[in-house]
C-alpha cells in the first residue's frame, strides 16, 4: 500500500513537546499519529476518553437560554432600527 503525505496544523510548542515525548519512546511524530489512526480504525472510535469539563456553575436551563436569546434578538432589532435612520 502506498504512503501519502498528510498535513496537520498544531501549536508549535505542542509539536515540540510531542516530538520530545515520542523520541523518548522511540517513535517519530509521524509514526505516533499513524499508530493513533490505526487504533481508532481498529476500535471504530477515538481510542481514549474525551469528555468535556463541566464548570462548577450550574448550566442554564433551556428556558433561560431561550429568554436570553429573545432579549438579544430584540436588542439587535432596536440597534438595526437606529442604524437604518
N, C-alpha and C. Protein backbone atom coordinates (compact mmCIF):
# COMPACT_ATOMS: atom_id res chain seq x y z
N UNK A 1 0.85 -1.17 0.00
CA UNK A 1 0.00 0.00 0.00
C UNK A 1 0.90 1.24 0.00
N UNK A 2 0.57 2.21 -0.84
CA UNK A 2 1.39 3.42 -0.98
C UNK A 2 1.13 4.36 0.20
N UNK A 3 2.17 5.05 0.61
CA UNK A 3 2.04 6.07 1.64
C UNK A 3 1.76 7.41 0.99
N UNK A 4 1.01 8.27 1.69
CA UNK A 4 0.74 9.61 1.21
C UNK A 4 1.16 10.59 2.31
N UNK A 5 1.34 11.83 1.93
CA UNK A 5 1.64 12.89 2.89
C UNK A 5 0.33 13.47 3.41
N UNK A 6 0.30 13.74 4.71
CA UNK A 6 -0.84 14.37 5.36
C UNK A 6 -0.31 15.59 6.10
N UNK A 7 -0.96 16.71 5.93
CA UNK A 7 -0.53 17.94 6.59
C UNK A 7 -1.51 18.25 7.72
N UNK A 8 -0.98 18.51 8.90
CA UNK A 8 -1.82 18.90 10.03
C UNK A 8 -1.28 20.20 10.61
N UNK A 9 -2.15 20.93 11.29
CA UNK A 9 -1.74 22.16 11.95
C UNK A 9 -1.84 21.94 13.45
N UNK A 10 -0.82 22.37 14.17
CA UNK A 10 -0.86 22.30 15.62
C UNK A 10 0.04 23.36 16.19
N UNK A 11 -0.18 23.68 17.43
CA UNK A 11 0.62 24.66 18.14
C UNK A 11 2.09 24.23 18.13
N UNK A 12 2.98 25.17 17.87
CA UNK A 12 4.41 24.87 17.76
C UNK A 12 4.95 24.24 19.05
N UNK A 13 4.55 24.78 20.20
CA UNK A 13 5.02 24.27 21.47
C UNK A 13 4.54 22.84 21.69
N UNK A 14 3.28 22.57 21.35
CA UNK A 14 2.74 21.22 21.48
C UNK A 14 3.52 20.25 20.60
N UNK A 15 3.82 20.65 19.38
CA UNK A 15 4.57 19.80 18.46
C UNK A 15 5.94 19.45 19.04
N UNK A 16 6.62 20.45 19.57
CA UNK A 16 7.94 20.21 20.15
C UNK A 16 7.87 19.25 21.33
N UNK A 17 6.88 19.46 22.20
CA UNK A 17 6.72 18.58 23.36
C UNK A 17 6.37 17.16 22.93
N UNK A 18 5.49 17.03 21.94
CA UNK A 18 5.11 15.71 21.44
C UNK A 18 6.30 15.02 20.80
N UNK A 19 7.07 15.74 20.00
CA UNK A 19 8.25 15.15 19.37
C UNK A 19 9.25 14.66 20.41
N UNK A 20 9.44 15.43 21.47
CA UNK A 20 10.37 15.03 22.53
C UNK A 20 9.87 13.76 23.21
N UNK A 21 8.58 13.73 23.55
CA UNK A 21 8.00 12.55 24.18
C UNK A 21 8.13 11.33 23.29
N UNK A 22 7.71 11.46 22.04
CA UNK A 22 7.73 10.32 21.13
C UNK A 22 9.16 9.87 20.86
N UNK A 23 10.10 10.81 20.78
CA UNK A 23 11.51 10.45 20.60
C UNK A 23 11.98 9.59 21.76
N UNK A 24 11.61 9.99 22.99
CA UNK A 24 11.98 9.21 24.18
C UNK A 24 11.37 7.81 24.14
N UNK A 25 10.23 7.67 23.46
CA UNK A 25 9.57 6.38 23.33
C UNK A 25 10.03 5.61 22.09
N UNK A 26 10.97 6.21 21.35
CA UNK A 26 11.49 5.55 20.15
C UNK A 26 10.60 5.69 18.94
N UNK A 27 9.79 6.73 18.93
CA UNK A 27 8.86 6.96 17.82
C UNK A 27 9.08 8.34 17.22
N UNK A 28 8.69 8.48 15.97
CA UNK A 28 8.61 9.81 15.37
C UNK A 28 7.18 10.32 15.56
N UNK A 29 7.00 11.61 15.36
CA UNK A 29 5.65 12.18 15.43
C UNK A 29 4.76 11.50 14.39
N UNK A 30 5.29 11.28 13.22
CA UNK A 30 4.53 10.64 12.14
C UNK A 30 4.09 9.23 12.54
N UNK A 31 5.00 8.44 13.11
CA UNK A 31 4.63 7.08 13.48
C UNK A 31 3.62 7.07 14.63
N UNK A 32 3.74 8.02 15.56
CA UNK A 32 2.78 8.09 16.67
C UNK A 32 1.38 8.43 16.15
N UNK A 33 1.29 9.37 15.21
CA UNK A 33 0.00 9.73 14.64
C UNK A 33 -0.58 8.57 13.84
N UNK A 34 0.28 7.84 13.14
CA UNK A 34 -0.17 6.66 12.40
C UNK A 34 -0.70 5.60 13.36
N UNK A 35 -0.01 5.41 14.49
CA UNK A 35 -0.48 4.46 15.50
C UNK A 35 -1.86 4.86 16.01
N UNK A 36 -2.03 6.15 16.28
CA UNK A 36 -3.33 6.66 16.73
C UNK A 36 -4.41 6.34 15.71
N UNK A 37 -4.15 6.62 14.44
CA UNK A 37 -5.14 6.41 13.38
C UNK A 37 -5.48 4.92 13.25
N UNK A 38 -4.47 4.06 13.30
CA UNK A 38 -4.72 2.62 13.20
C UNK A 38 -5.58 2.12 14.35
N UNK A 39 -5.27 2.58 15.56
CA UNK A 39 -6.04 2.16 16.72
C UNK A 39 -7.48 2.67 16.63
N UNK A 40 -7.66 3.90 16.17
CA UNK A 40 -9.00 4.45 16.02
C UNK A 40 -9.81 3.64 15.00
N UNK A 41 -9.20 3.29 13.89
CA UNK A 41 -9.89 2.49 12.87
C UNK A 41 -10.21 1.10 13.41
N UNK A 42 -9.26 0.51 14.12
CA UNK A 42 -9.46 -0.83 14.68
C UNK A 42 -10.63 -0.84 15.66
N UNK A 43 -10.70 0.16 16.53
CA UNK A 43 -11.74 0.21 17.56
C UNK A 43 -13.01 0.92 17.10
N UNK A 44 -12.92 1.61 15.94
CA UNK A 44 -14.04 2.39 15.42
C UNK A 44 -14.49 3.46 16.41
N UNK A 45 -13.50 4.09 17.04
CA UNK A 45 -13.76 5.17 18.00
C UNK A 45 -12.44 5.86 18.28
N UNK A 46 -12.50 7.02 18.93
CA UNK A 46 -11.30 7.66 19.43
C UNK A 46 -10.76 6.74 20.53
N UNK A 47 -9.50 6.34 20.46
CA UNK A 47 -9.00 5.31 21.38
C UNK A 47 -8.68 5.80 22.80
N UNK A 48 -9.32 6.84 23.22
CA UNK A 48 -9.21 7.30 24.60
C UNK A 48 -10.46 8.12 24.91
N UNK A 49 -10.71 8.31 26.19
CA UNK A 49 -11.92 9.03 26.58
C UNK A 49 -11.76 10.52 26.33
N UNK A 50 -12.76 11.10 25.71
CA UNK A 50 -12.82 12.54 25.52
C UNK A 50 -14.05 13.02 26.26
N UNK A 51 -13.85 13.92 27.18
CA UNK A 51 -15.00 14.44 27.89
C UNK A 51 -14.84 15.92 28.12
N UNK A 52 -15.94 16.55 28.26
CA UNK A 52 -15.98 17.98 28.49
C UNK A 52 -15.93 18.23 29.99
N UNK A 53 -15.11 19.16 30.38
CA UNK A 53 -15.05 19.52 31.78
C UNK A 53 -16.24 20.41 32.09
N UNK A 54 -17.05 19.98 33.03
CA UNK A 54 -18.24 20.73 33.39
C UNK A 54 -17.84 21.81 34.39
N UNK A 55 -18.15 23.06 34.08
CA UNK A 55 -17.79 24.14 35.01
C UNK A 55 -18.50 23.97 36.35
N UNK A 56 -17.98 24.62 37.36
CA UNK A 56 -18.55 24.48 38.69
C UNK A 56 -19.92 25.14 38.81
N UNK A 57 -20.23 26.08 37.90
CA UNK A 57 -21.55 26.70 37.96
C UNK A 57 -22.57 25.81 37.24
N UNK A 58 -23.81 25.97 37.58
CA UNK A 58 -24.88 25.16 37.00
C UNK A 58 -25.17 25.64 35.59
N UNK A 59 -25.37 24.70 34.69
CA UNK A 59 -25.69 25.03 33.31
C UNK A 59 -27.10 25.62 33.26
N UNK A 60 -27.27 26.66 32.45
CA UNK A 60 -28.56 27.34 32.36
C UNK A 60 -29.61 26.42 31.78
N UNK A 61 -30.83 26.58 32.23
CA UNK A 61 -31.93 25.77 31.71
C UNK A 61 -32.25 26.24 30.29
N UNK A 62 -32.91 25.37 29.52
CA UNK A 62 -33.31 25.73 28.16
C UNK A 62 -34.18 26.97 28.16
N UNK A 63 -35.04 27.09 29.15
CA UNK A 63 -35.95 28.24 29.22
C UNK A 63 -35.17 29.54 29.37
N UNK A 64 -34.18 29.56 30.26
CA UNK A 64 -33.42 30.79 30.46
C UNK A 64 -32.58 31.12 29.22
N UNK A 65 -32.11 30.08 28.52
CA UNK A 65 -31.36 30.32 27.29
C UNK A 65 -32.28 30.94 26.25
N UNK A 66 -33.49 30.41 26.13
CA UNK A 66 -34.47 30.97 25.18
C UNK A 66 -34.79 32.42 25.52
N UNK A 67 -34.99 32.70 26.80
CA UNK A 67 -35.31 34.06 27.22
C UNK A 67 -34.15 35.01 26.91
N UNK A 68 -32.94 34.56 27.18
CA UNK A 68 -31.77 35.38 26.89
C UNK A 68 -31.64 35.62 25.39
N UNK A 69 -31.90 34.59 24.60
CA UNK A 69 -31.83 34.73 23.14
C UNK A 69 -32.84 35.75 22.64
N UNK A 70 -34.06 35.69 23.18
CA UNK A 70 -35.09 36.65 22.77
C UNK A 70 -34.68 38.07 23.12
N UNK A 71 -34.08 38.26 24.29
CA UNK A 71 -33.61 39.59 24.69
C UNK A 71 -32.55 40.10 23.72
N UNK A 72 -31.61 39.23 23.35
CA UNK A 72 -30.55 39.64 22.42
C UNK A 72 -31.12 39.98 21.05
N UNK A 73 -32.07 39.18 20.59
CA UNK A 73 -32.70 39.45 19.29
C UNK A 73 -33.39 40.80 19.31
N UNK A 74 -34.11 41.08 20.38
CA UNK A 74 -34.82 42.36 20.49
C UNK A 74 -33.83 43.53 20.52
N UNK A 75 -32.73 43.39 21.25
CA UNK A 75 -31.72 44.45 21.30
C UNK A 75 -31.13 44.69 19.91
N UNK A 76 -30.89 43.60 19.17
CA UNK A 76 -30.36 43.74 17.82
C UNK A 76 -31.35 44.43 16.90
N UNK A 77 -32.63 44.11 17.04
CA UNK A 77 -33.66 44.78 16.23
C UNK A 77 -33.63 46.28 16.48
N UNK A 78 -33.54 46.65 17.76
CA UNK A 78 -33.51 48.07 18.11
C UNK A 78 -32.26 48.74 17.54
N UNK A 79 -31.15 48.05 17.61
CA UNK A 79 -29.91 48.62 17.06
C UNK A 79 -30.00 48.79 15.55
N UNK A 80 -30.58 47.81 14.86
CA UNK A 80 -30.74 47.91 13.41
C UNK A 80 -31.66 49.08 13.03
N UNK A 81 -32.73 49.27 13.83
CA UNK A 81 -33.64 50.37 13.55
C UNK A 81 -32.91 51.70 13.69
N UNK A 82 -32.04 51.82 14.69
CA UNK A 82 -31.27 53.06 14.87
C UNK A 82 -30.32 53.28 13.71
N UNK A 83 -29.68 52.19 13.24
CA UNK A 83 -28.75 52.31 12.11
C UNK A 83 -29.48 52.69 10.81
N UNK A 84 -30.70 52.23 10.68
CA UNK A 84 -31.46 52.48 9.46
C UNK A 84 -31.96 53.92 9.36
N UNK A 85 -31.96 54.66 10.45
CA UNK A 85 -32.46 56.03 10.43
C UNK A 85 -31.59 56.93 9.59
